[in-house]
Amino acid sequence: MFLAMWALTMSATAEAVTAERQTELRNLVHQDCGSCHGMRLTGGLGPAITSRALQDKNHEFLFATISEGRHGTPMPPWRTLLTRQEIDWIVDYLKTVETQP
């Protein structure tokens, strides 16, 4: 049930990302992003990136942060490694995910 509801919240552009790639992106979020934002995404070197922590951030802000990085912080730009659709998918995922073990 949760997965069905979660799938309905994904944006139209994110639907272009294959199921296999979604699994890879989920792993990227929890491993690569988790190395700074905490393995449970609740914060570490970087701030928490759970849906609760990001509730006041809009899609465009989060997209720009992932794509361009954050100047003056350790947050790197991911635009050369991820497509626009993949970044959209990650933003949608972050807006719906809570902590993971």
PDB file of N, CA and C in Angstrom:
ATOM      1  N   MET A   1       0.823  -1.190   0.000  1.00  0.00           N
ATOM      2  CA  MET A   1       0.000   0.000   0.000  1.00  0.00           C
ATOM      3  C   MET A   1       0.866   1.252   0.000  1.00  0.00           C
ATOM      4  N   PHE A   2       1.854   1.291   0.917  1.00  0.00           N
ATOM      5  CA  PHE A   2       2.732   2.457   0.970  1.00  0.00           C
ATOM      6  C   PHE A   2       3.442   2.657  -0.359  1.00  0.00           C
ATOM      7  N   LEU A   3       3.952   1.570  -0.937  1.00  0.00           N
ATOM      8  CA  LEU A   3       4.676   1.683  -2.206  1.00  0.00           C
ATOM      9  C   LEU A   3       3.772   2.193  -3.311  1.00  0.00           C
ATOM     10  N   ALA A   4       2.526   1.769  -3.333  1.00  0.00           N
ATOM     11  CA  ALA A   4       1.593   2.249  -4.345  1.00  0.00           C
ATOM     12  C   ALA A   4       1.348   3.741  -4.178  1.00  0.00           C
ATOM     13  N   MET A   5       1.158   4.181  -2.945  1.00  0.00           N
ATOM     14  CA  MET A   5       0.950   5.609  -2.699  1.00  0.00           C
ATOM     15  C   MET A   5       2.204   6.399  -3.030  1.00  0.00           C
ATOM     16  N   TRP A   6       3.372   5.833  -2.675  1.00  0.00           N
ATOM     17  CA  TRP A   6       4.635   6.508  -2.954  1.00  0.00           C
ATOM     18  C   TRP A   6       4.829   6.663  -4.452  1.00  0.00           C
ATOM     19  N   ALA A   7       4.505   5.626  -5.217  1.00  0.00           N
ATOM     20  CA  ALA A   7       4.670   5.678  -6.668  1.00  0.00           C
ATOM     21  C   ALA A   7       3.789   6.760  -7.276  1.00  0.00           C
ATOM     22  N   LEU A   8       2.613   6.969  -6.719  1.00  0.00           N
ATOM     23  CA  LEU A   8       1.720   7.998  -7.241  1.00  0.00           C
ATOM     24  C   LEU A   8       2.243   9.408  -7.004  1.00  0.00           C
ATOM     25  N   THR A   9       3.112   9.587  -6.028  1.00  0.00           N
ATOM     26  CA  THR A   9       3.627  10.920  -5.731  1.00  0.00           C
ATOM     27  C   THR A   9       4.806  11.312  -6.609  1.00  0.00           C
ATOM     28  N   MET A  10       5.362  10.366  -7.334  1.00  0.00           N
ATOM     29  CA  MET A  10       6.517  10.662  -8.185  1.00  0.00           C
ATOM     30  C   MET A  10       6.096  11.614  -9.308  1.00  0.00           C
ATOM     31  N   SER A  11       6.940  12.544  -9.677  1.00  0.00           N
ATOM     32  CA  SER A  11       6.618  13.486 -10.743  1.00  0.00           C
ATOM     33  C   SER A  11       6.663  12.799 -12.097  1.00  0.00           C
ATOM     34  N   ALA A  12       6.048  13.412 -13.091  1.00  0.00           N
ATOM     35  CA  ALA A  12       6.011  12.839 -14.438  1.00  0.00           C
ATOM     36  C   ALA A  12       7.407  12.649 -15.004  1.00  0.00           C
ATOM     37  N   THR A  13       8.304  13.591 -14.758  1.00  0.00           N
ATOM     38  CA  THR A  13       9.659  13.452 -15.295  1.00  0.00           C
ATOM     39  C   THR A  13      10.406  12.322 -14.630  1.00  0.00           C
ATOM     40  N   ALA A  14      10.102  12.067 -13.380  1.00  0.00           N
ATOM     41  CA  ALA A  14      10.787  10.988 -12.672  1.00  0.00           C
ATOM     42  C   ALA A  14      10.366   9.619 -13.192  1.00  0.00           C
ATOM     43  N   GLU A  15       9.188   9.522 -13.808  1.00  0.00           N
ATOM     44  CA  GLU A  15       8.717   8.247 -14.329  1.00  0.00           C
ATOM     45  C   GLU A  15       9.611   7.719 -15.444  1.00  0.00           C
ATOM     46  N   ALA A  16      10.402   8.577 -16.077  1.00  0.00           N
ATOM     47  CA  ALA A  16      11.287   8.147 -17.150  1.00  0.00           C
ATOM     48  C   ALA A  16      12.462   7.322 -16.624  1.00  0.00           C
ATOM     49  N   VAL A  17      12.676   7.312 -15.332  1.00  0.00           N
ATOM     50  CA  VAL A  17      13.773   6.562 -14.725  1.00  0.00           C
ATOM     51  C   VAL A  17      13.309   5.117 -14.541  1.00  0.00           C
ATOM     52  N   THR A  18      14.053   4.166 -15.096  1.00  0.00           N
ATOM     53  CA  THR A  18      13.666   2.753 -15.027  1.00  0.00           C
ATOM     54  C   THR A  18      13.683   2.249 -13.588  1.00  0.00           C
ATOM     55  N   ALA A  19      12.972   1.164 -13.353  1.00  0.00           N
ATOM     56  CA  ALA A  19      12.927   0.562 -12.013  1.00  0.00           C
ATOM     57  C   ALA A  19      14.325   0.148 -11.559  1.00  0.00           C
ATOM     58  N   GLU A  20      15.108  -0.393 -12.480  1.00  0.00           N
ATOM     59  CA  GLU A  20      16.481  -0.793 -12.137  1.00  0.00           C
ATOM     60  C   GLU A  20      17.306   0.419 -11.723  1.00  0.00           C
ATOM     61  N   ARG A  21      17.167   1.517 -12.475  1.00  0.00           N
ATOM     62  CA  ARG A  21      17.923   2.726 -12.146  1.00  0.00           C
ATOM     63  C   ARG A  21      17.429   3.326 -10.832  1.00  0.00           C
ATOM     64  N   GLN A  22      16.138   3.229 -10.552  1.00  0.00           N
ATOM     65  CA  GLN A  22      15.610   3.724  -9.283  1.00  0.00           C
ATOM     66  C   GLN A  22      16.278   3.013  -8.111  1.00  0.00           C
ATOM     67  N   THR A  23      16.481   1.718  -8.241  1.00  0.00           N
ATOM     68  CA  THR A  23      17.176   0.960  -7.195  1.00  0.00           C
ATOM     69  C   THR A  23      18.595   1.477  -7.029  1.00  0.00           C
ATOM     70  N   GLU A  24      19.269   1.730  -8.144  1.00  0.00           N
ATOM     71  CA  GLU A  24      20.637   2.266  -8.087  1.00  0.00           C
ATOM     72  C   GLU A  24      20.651   3.647  -7.440  1.00  0.00           C
ATOM     73  N   LEU A  25      19.674   4.482  -7.786  1.00  0.00           N
ATOM     74  CA  LEU A  25      19.614   5.835  -7.223  1.00  0.00           C
ATOM     75  C   LEU A  25      19.296   5.799  -5.729  1.00  0.00           C
ATOM     76  N   ARG A  26      18.415   4.899  -5.318  1.00  0.00           N
ATOM     77  CA  ARG A  26      18.123   4.741  -3.890  1.00  0.00           C
ATOM     78  C   ARG A  26      19.403   4.368  -3.141  1.00  0.00           C
ATOM     79  N   ASN A  27      20.171   3.441  -3.706  1.00  0.00           N
ATOM     80  CA  ASN A  27      21.447   3.061  -3.092  1.00  0.00           C
ATOM     81  C   ASN A  27      22.410   4.238  -3.058  1.00  0.00           C
ATOM     82  N   LEU A  28      22.455   5.024  -4.122  1.00  0.00           N
ATOM     83  CA  LEU A  28      23.317   6.207  -4.167  1.00  0.00           C
ATOM     84  C   LEU A  28      22.942   7.173  -3.045  1.00  0.00           C
ATOM     85  N   VAL A  29      21.645   7.421  -2.882  1.00  0.00           N
ATOM     86  CA  VAL A  29      21.194   8.336  -1.829  1.00  0.00           C
ATOM     87  C   VAL A  29      21.652   7.836  -0.459  1.00  0.00           C
ATOM     88  N   HIS A  30      21.427   6.564  -0.187  1.00  0.00           N
ATOM     89  CA  HIS A  30      21.725   6.052   1.151  1.00  0.00           C
ATOM     90  C   HIS A  30      23.209   5.808   1.383  1.00  0.00           C
ATOM     91  N   GLN A  31      23.974   5.571   0.334  1.00  0.00           N
ATOM     92  CA  GLN A  31      25.409   5.331   0.511  1.00  0.00           C
ATOM     93  C   GLN A  31      26.222   6.600   0.268  1.00  0.00           C
ATOM     94  N   ASP A  32      26.119   7.160  -0.921  1.00  0.00           N
ATOM     95  CA  ASP A  32      26.932   8.338  -1.245  1.00  0.00           C
ATOM     96  C   ASP A  32      26.457   9.568  -0.480  1.00  0.00           C
ATOM     97  N   CYS A  33      25.176   9.884  -0.582  1.00  0.00           N
ATOM     98  CA  CYS A  33      24.652  11.042   0.152  1.00  0.00           C
ATOM     99  C   CYS A  33      24.740  10.782   1.657  1.00  0.00           C
ATOM    100  N   GLY A  34      24.462   9.522   2.035  1.00  0.00           N
ATOM    101  CA  GLY A  34      24.506   9.142   3.442  1.00  0.00           C
ATOM    102  C   GLY A  34      25.873   9.286   4.075  1.00  0.00           C
ATOM    103  N   SER A  35      26.930   9.267   3.260  1.00  0.00           N
ATOM    104  CA  SER A  35      28.271   9.417   3.833  1.00  0.00           C
ATOM    105  C   SER A  35      28.454  10.789   4.483  1.00  0.00           C
ATOM    106  N   CYS A  36      27.720  11.779   4.029  1.00  0.00           N
ATOM    107  CA  CYS A  36      27.772  13.109   4.661  1.00  0.00           C
ATOM    108  C   CYS A  36      26.497  13.429   5.453  1.00  0.00           C
ATOM    109  N   HIS A  37      25.362  12.977   4.947  1.00  0.00           N
ATOM    110  CA  HIS A  37      24.076  13.316   5.569  1.00  0.00           C
ATOM    111  C   HIS A  37      23.618  12.269   6.574  1.00  0.00           C
ATOM    112  N   GLY A  38      24.475  11.299   6.862  1.00  0.00           N
ATOM    113  CA  GLY A  38      24.142  10.236   7.803  1.00  0.00           C
ATOM    114  C   GLY A  38      23.506   9.059   7.089  1.00  0.00           C
ATOM    115  N   MET A  39      23.891   7.866   7.462  1.00  0.00           N
ATOM    116  CA  MET A  39      23.393   6.669   6.786  1.00  0.00           C
ATOM    117  C   MET A  39      21.877   6.530   6.892  1.00  0.00           C
ATOM    118  N   ARG A  40      21.282   7.135   7.904  1.00  0.00           N
ATOM    119  CA  ARG A  40      19.819   7.151   8.026  1.00  0.00           C
ATOM    120  C   ARG A  40      19.247   8.477   7.517  1.00  0.00           C
ATOM    121  N   LEU A  41      20.102   9.298   6.911  1.00  0.00           N
ATOM    122  CA  LEU A  41      19.738  10.593   6.320  1.00  0.00           C
ATOM    123  C   LEU A  41      19.291  11.608   7.363  1.00  0.00           C
ATOM    124  N   THR A  42      19.631  11.360   8.616  1.00  0.00           N
ATOM    125  CA  THR A  42      19.190  12.239   9.704  1.00  0.00           C
ATOM    126  C   THR A  42      20.229  13.283  10.086  1.00  0.00           C
ATOM    127  N   GLY A  43      21.264  13.419   9.290  1.00  0.00           N
ATOM    128  CA  GLY A  43      22.277  14.435   9.518  1.00  0.00           C
ATOM    129  C   GLY A  43      23.603  13.844   9.923  1.00  0.00           C
ATOM    130  N   GLY A  44      24.641  14.587   9.655  1.00  0.00           N
ATOM    131  CA  GLY A  44      26.015  14.205   9.959  1.00  0.00           C
ATOM    132  C   GLY A  44      26.862  15.417   9.644  1.00  0.00           C
ATOM    133  N   LEU A  45      27.820  15.284   8.739  1.00  0.00           N
ATOM    134  CA  LEU A  45      28.575  16.433   8.252  1.00  0.00           C
ATOM    135  C   LEU A  45      27.617  17.417   7.581  1.00  0.00           C
ATOM    136  N   GLY A  46      26.676  16.875   6.810  1.00  0.00           N
ATOM    137  CA  GLY A  46      25.632  17.680   6.166  1.00  0.00           C
ATOM    138  C   GLY A  46      24.335  17.578   6.956  1.00  0.00           C
ATOM    139  N   PRO A  47      23.360  18.426   6.631  1.00  0.00           N
ATOM    140  CA  PRO A  47      22.092  18.421   7.362  1.00  0.00           C
ATOM    141  C   PRO A  47      21.255  17.176   7.059  1.00  0.00           C
ATOM    142  N   ALA A  48      20.244  16.958   7.873  1.00  0.00           N
ATOM    143  CA  ALA A  48      19.287  15.872   7.636  1.00  0.00           C
ATOM    144  C   ALA A  48      18.597  16.093   6.292  1.00  0.00           C
ATOM    145  N   ILE A  49      18.339  14.998   5.575  1.00  0.00           N
ATOM    146  CA  ILE A  49      17.648  15.097   4.283  1.00  0.00           C
ATOM    147  C   ILE A  49      16.455  14.136   4.228  1.00  0.00           C
ATOM    148  N   THR A  50      15.782  13.970   5.353  1.00  0.00           N
ATOM    149  CA  THR A  50      14.543  13.193   5.380  1.00  0.00           C
ATOM    150  C   THR A  50      13.409  14.086   4.882  1.00  0.00           C
ATOM    151  N   SER A  51      12.273  13.479   4.573  1.00  0.00           N
ATOM    152  CA  SER A  51      11.134  14.271   4.097  1.00  0.00           C
ATOM    153  C   SER A  51      10.724  15.321   5.126  1.00  0.00           C
ATOM    154  N   ARG A  52      10.775  14.970   6.392  1.00  0.00           N
ATOM    155  CA  ARG A  52      10.418  15.934   7.441  1.00  0.00           C
ATOM    156  C   ARG A  52      11.381  17.124   7.439  1.00  0.00           C
ATOM    157  N   ALA A  53      12.670  16.841   7.304  1.00  0.00           N
ATOM    158  CA  ALA A  53      13.672  17.909   7.310  1.00  0.00           C
ATOM    159  C   ALA A  53      13.565  18.795   6.071  1.00  0.00           C
ATOM    160  N   LEU A  54      13.059  18.238   4.975  1.00  0.00           N
ATOM    161  CA  LEU A  54      13.001  18.979   3.708  1.00  0.00           C
ATOM    162  C   LEU A  54      11.616  19.534   3.401  1.00  0.00           C
ATOM    163  N   GLN A  55      10.671  19.413   4.307  1.00  0.00           N
ATOM    164  CA  GLN A  55       9.290  19.780   4.010  1.00  0.00           C
ATOM    165  C   GLN A  55       9.110  21.235   3.578  1.00  0.00           C
ATOM    166  N   ASP A  56       9.967  22.136   4.020  1.00  0.00           N
ATOM    167  CA  ASP A  56       9.823  23.543   3.634  1.00  0.00           C
ATOM    168  C   ASP A  56      10.669  23.920   2.419  1.00  0.00           C
ATOM    169  N   LYS A  57      11.340  22.958   1.817  1.00  0.00           N
ATOM    170  CA  LYS A  57      12.180  23.212   0.631  1.00  0.00           C
ATOM    171  C   LYS A  57      11.407  22.806  -0.618  1.00  0.00           C
ATOM    172  N   ASN A  58      11.385  23.683  -1.632  1.00  0.00           N
ATOM    173  CA  ASN A  58      10.663  23.331  -2.850  1.00  0.00           C
ATOM    174  C   ASN A  58      11.536  22.510  -3.800  1.00  0.00           C
ATOM    175  N   HIS A  59      10.886  21.928  -4.785  1.00  0.00           N
ATOM    176  CA  HIS A  59      11.558  21.046  -5.739  1.00  0.00           C
ATOM    177  C   HIS A  59      12.726  21.758  -6.428  1.00  0.00           C
ATOM    178  N   GLU A  60      12.508  22.984  -6.855  1.00  0.00           N
ATOM    179  CA  GLU A  60      13.540  23.721  -7.585  1.00  0.00           C
ATOM    180  C   GLU A  60      14.786  23.949  -6.732  1.00  0.00           C
ATOM    181  N   PHE A  61      14.591  24.291  -5.471  1.00  0.00           N
ATOM    182  CA  PHE A  61      15.727  24.502  -4.570  1.00  0.00           C
ATOM    183  C   PHE A  61      16.528  23.217  -4.402  1.00  0.00           C
ATOM    184  N   LEU A  62      15.832  22.111  -4.149  1.00  0.00           N
ATOM    185  CA  LEU A  62      16.520  20.832  -3.962  1.00  0.00           C
ATOM    186  C   LEU A  62      17.198  20.375  -5.249  1.00  0.00           C
ATOM    187  N   PHE A  63      16.532  20.577  -6.383  1.00  0.00           N
ATOM    188  CA  PHE A  63      17.128  20.221  -7.673  1.00  0.00           C
ATOM    189  C   PHE A  63      18.427  20.997  -7.870  1.00  0.00           C
ATOM    190  N   ALA A  64      18.391  22.301  -7.638  1.00  0.00           N
ATOM    191  CA  ALA A  64      19.585  23.138  -7.807  1.00  0.00           C
ATOM    192  C   ALA A  64      20.691  22.723  -6.843  1.00  0.00           C
ATOM    193  N   THR A  65      20.340  22.386  -5.623  1.00  0.00           N
ATOM    194  CA  THR A  65      21.337  21.958  -4.640  1.00  0.00           C
ATOM    195  C   THR A  65      22.043  20.692  -5.100  1.00  0.00           C
ATOM    196  N   ILE A  66      21.284  19.715  -5.575  1.00  0.00           N
ATOM    197  CA  ILE A  66      21.887  18.464  -6.046  1.00  0.00           C
ATOM    198  C   ILE A  66      22.672  18.705  -7.331  1.00  0.00           C
ATOM    199  N   SER A  67      22.094  19.434  -8.242  1.00  0.00           N
ATOM    200  CA  SER A  67      22.725  19.666  -9.539  1.00  0.00           C
ATOM    201  C   SER A  67      23.993  20.508  -9.438  1.00  0.00           C
ATOM    202  N   GLU A  68      23.913  21.597  -8.716  1.00  0.00           N
ATOM    203  CA  GLU A  68      25.006  22.575  -8.680  1.00  0.00           C
ATOM    204  C   GLU A  68      25.876  22.503  -7.433  1.00  0.00           C
ATOM    205  N   GLY A  69      25.430  21.760  -6.416  1.00  0.00           N
ATOM    206  CA  GLY A  69      26.159  21.742  -5.154  1.00  0.00           C
ATOM    207  C   GLY A  69      25.859  23.007  -4.366  1.00  0.00           C
ATOM    208  N   ARG A  70      26.515  23.168  -3.238  1.00  0.00           N
ATOM    209  CA  ARG A  70      26.330  24.359  -2.399  1.00  0.00           C
ATOM    210  C   ARG A  70      27.688  25.007  -2.202  1.00  0.00           C
ATOM    211  N   HIS A  71      27.870  26.169  -2.805  1.00  0.00           N
ATOM    212  CA  HIS A  71      29.130  26.901  -2.705  1.00  0.00           C
ATOM    213  C   HIS A  71      29.472  27.156  -1.236  1.00  0.00           C
ATOM    214  N   GLY A  72      30.723  26.962  -0.907  1.00  0.00           N
ATOM    215  CA  GLY A  72      31.185  27.202   0.456  1.00  0.00           C
ATOM    216  C   GLY A  72      30.913  26.055   1.414  1.00  0.00           C
ATOM    217  N   THR A  73      30.402  24.946   0.879  1.00  0.00           N
ATOM    218  CA  THR A  73      30.144  23.755   1.698  1.00  0.00           C
ATOM    219  C   THR A  73      30.773  22.546   1.002  1.00  0.00           C
ATOM    220  N   PRO A  74      30.827  21.415   1.663  1.00  0.00           N
ATOM    221  CA  PRO A  74      31.348  20.204   1.016  1.00  0.00           C
ATOM    222  C   PRO A  74      30.384  19.596  -0.014  1.00  0.00           C
ATOM    223  N   MET A  75      29.161  20.141  -0.153  1.00  0.00           N
ATOM    224  CA  MET A  75      28.174  19.566  -1.078  1.00  0.00           C
ATOM    225  C   MET A  75      28.637  19.752  -2.519  1.00  0.00           C
ATOM    226  N   PRO A  76      28.956  18.630  -3.218  1.00  0.00           N
ATOM    227  CA  PRO A  76      29.453  18.730  -4.589  1.00  0.00           C
ATOM    228  C   PRO A  76      28.315  18.820  -5.605  1.00  0.00           C
ATOM    229  N   PRO A  77      28.606  19.322  -6.799  1.00  0.00           N
ATOM    230  CA  PRO A  77      27.608  19.280  -7.879  1.00  0.00           C
ATOM    231  C   PRO A  77      27.538  17.866  -8.466  1.00  0.00           C
ATOM    232  N   TRP A  78      26.330  17.405  -8.748  1.00  0.00           N
ATOM    233  CA  TRP A  78      26.132  16.063  -9.316  1.00  0.00           C
ATOM    234  C   TRP A  78      25.699  16.119 -10.775  1.00  0.00           C
ATOM    235  N   ARG A  79      25.621  17.321 -11.370  1.00  0.00           N
ATOM    236  CA  ARG A  79      25.088  17.476 -12.724  1.00  0.00           C
ATOM    237  C   ARG A  79      25.846  16.690 -13.785  1.00  0.00           C
ATOM    238  N   THR A  80      27.134  16.443 -13.584  1.00  0.00           N
ATOM    239  CA  THR A  80      27.897  15.700 -14.591  1.00  0.00           C
ATOM    240  C   THR A  80      27.730  14.188 -14.435  1.00  0.00           C
ATOM    241  N   LEU A  81      27.179  13.741 -13.319  1.00  0.00           N
ATOM    242  CA  LEU A  81      27.020  12.310 -13.062  1.00  0.00           C
ATOM    243  C   LEU A  81      25.577  11.829 -13.162  1.00  0.00           C
ATOM    244  N   LEU A  82      24.627  12.747 -13.052  1.00  0.00           N
ATOM    245  CA  LEU A  82      23.210  12.391 -13.055  1.00  0.00           C
ATOM    246  C   LEU A  82      22.462  13.192 -14.111  1.00  0.00           C
ATOM    247  N   THR A  83      21.455  12.581 -14.719  1.00  0.00           N
ATOM    248  CA  THR A  83      20.612  13.294 -15.680  1.00  0.00           C
ATOM    249  C   THR A  83      19.600  14.157 -14.927  1.00  0.00           C
ATOM    250  N   ARG A  84      18.950  15.048 -15.656  1.00  0.00           N
ATOM    251  CA  ARG A  84      17.887  15.870 -15.058  1.00  0.00           C
ATOM    252  C   ARG A  84      16.784  14.980 -14.484  1.00  0.00           C
ATOM    253  N   GLN A  85      16.419  13.932 -15.220  1.00  0.00           N
ATOM    254  CA  GLN A  85      15.368  13.031 -14.756  1.00  0.00           C
ATOM    255  C   GLN A  85      15.792  12.307 -13.479  1.00  0.00           C
ATOM    256  N   GLU A  86      17.053  11.933 -13.403  1.00  0.00           N
ATOM    257  CA  GLU A  86      17.543  11.256 -12.196  1.00  0.00           C
ATOM    258  C   GLU A  86      17.555  12.194 -10.998  1.00  0.00           C
ATOM    259  N   ILE A  87      17.949  13.440 -11.220  1.00  0.00           N
ATOM    260  CA  ILE A  87      17.923  14.415 -10.120  1.00  0.00           C
ATOM    261  C   ILE A  87      16.482  14.675  -9.696  1.00  0.00           C
ATOM    262  N   ASP A  88      15.562  14.801 -10.659  1.00  0.00           N
ATOM    263  CA  ASP A  88      14.140  14.947 -10.321  1.00  0.00           C
ATOM    264  C   ASP A  88      13.665  13.769  -9.479  1.00  0.00           C
ATOM    265  N   TRP A  89      14.058  12.562  -9.868  1.00  0.00           N
ATOM    266  CA  TRP A  89      13.647  11.365  -9.133  1.00  0.00           C
ATOM    267  C   TRP A  89      14.183  11.415  -7.701  1.00  0.00           C
ATOM    268  N   ILE A  90      15.450  11.793  -7.548  1.00  0.00           N
ATOM    269  CA  ILE A  90      16.051  11.875  -6.210  1.00  0.00           C
ATOM    270  C   ILE A  90      15.313  12.902  -5.356  1.00  0.00           C
ATOM    271  N   VAL A  91      14.993  14.053  -5.929  1.00  0.00           N
ATOM    272  CA  VAL A  91      14.249  15.071  -5.179  1.00  0.00           C
ATOM    273  C   VAL A  91      12.909  14.500  -4.727  1.00  0.00           C
ATOM    274  N   ASP A  92      12.184  13.866  -5.639  1.00  0.00           N
ATOM    275  CA  ASP A  92      10.895  13.271  -5.277  1.00  0.00           C
ATOM    276  C   ASP A  92      11.072  12.211  -4.195  1.00  0.00           C
ATOM    277  N   TYR A  93      12.098  11.405  -4.316  1.00  0.00           N
ATOM    278  CA  TYR A  93      12.378  10.363  -3.321  1.00  0.00           C
ATOM    279  C   TYR A  93      12.654  10.990  -1.954  1.00  0.00           C
ATOM    280  N   LEU A  94      13.504  12.008  -1.926  1.00  0.00           N
ATOM    281  CA  LEU A  94      13.837  12.658  -0.656  1.00  0.00           C
ATOM    282  C   LEU A  94      12.616  13.304  -0.011  1.00  0.00           C
ATOM    283  N   LYS A  95      11.681  13.785  -0.820  1.00  0.00           N
ATOM    284  CA  LYS A  95      10.481  14.424  -0.279  1.00  0.00           C
ATOM    285  C   LYS A  95       9.498  13.402   0.300  1.00  0.00           C
ATOM    286  N   THR A  96       9.724  12.102   0.039  1.00  0.00           N
ATOM    287  CA  THR A  96       8.803  11.086   0.542  1.00  0.00           C
ATOM    288  C   THR A  96       9.442  10.120   1.529  1.00  0.00           C
ATOM    289  N   VAL A  97      10.762  10.021   1.551  1.00  0.00           N
ATOM    290  CA  VAL A  97      11.436   9.020   2.384  1.00  0.00           C
ATOM    291  C   VAL A  97      11.630   9.529   3.808  1.00  0.00           C
ATOM    292  N   GLU A  98      11.466   8.631   4.733  1.00  0.00           N
ATOM    293  CA  GLU A  98      11.865   8.917   6.106  1.00  0.00           C
ATOM    294  C   GLU A  98      13.147   8.150   6.355  1.00  0.00           C
ATOM    295  N   THR A  99      13.526   7.980   7.573  1.00  0.00           N
ATOM    296  CA  THR A  99      14.796   7.312   7.860  1.00  0.00           C
ATOM    297  C   THR A  99      14.737   5.857   7.449  1.00  0.00           C
ATOM    298  N   GLN A 100      15.868   5.344   7.058  1.00  0.00           N
ATOM    299  CA  GLN A 100      16.014   3.940   6.680  1.00  0.00           C
ATOM    300  C   GLN A 100      17.063   3.312   7.584  1.00  0.00           C
ATOM    301  N   PRO A 101      16.898   2.042   7.914  1.00  0.00           N
ATOM    302  CA  PRO A 101      17.906   1.384   8.767  1.00  0.00           C
ATOM    303  C   PRO A 101      19.248   1.289   8.078  1.00  0.00           C
TER     304      PRO A 101
END
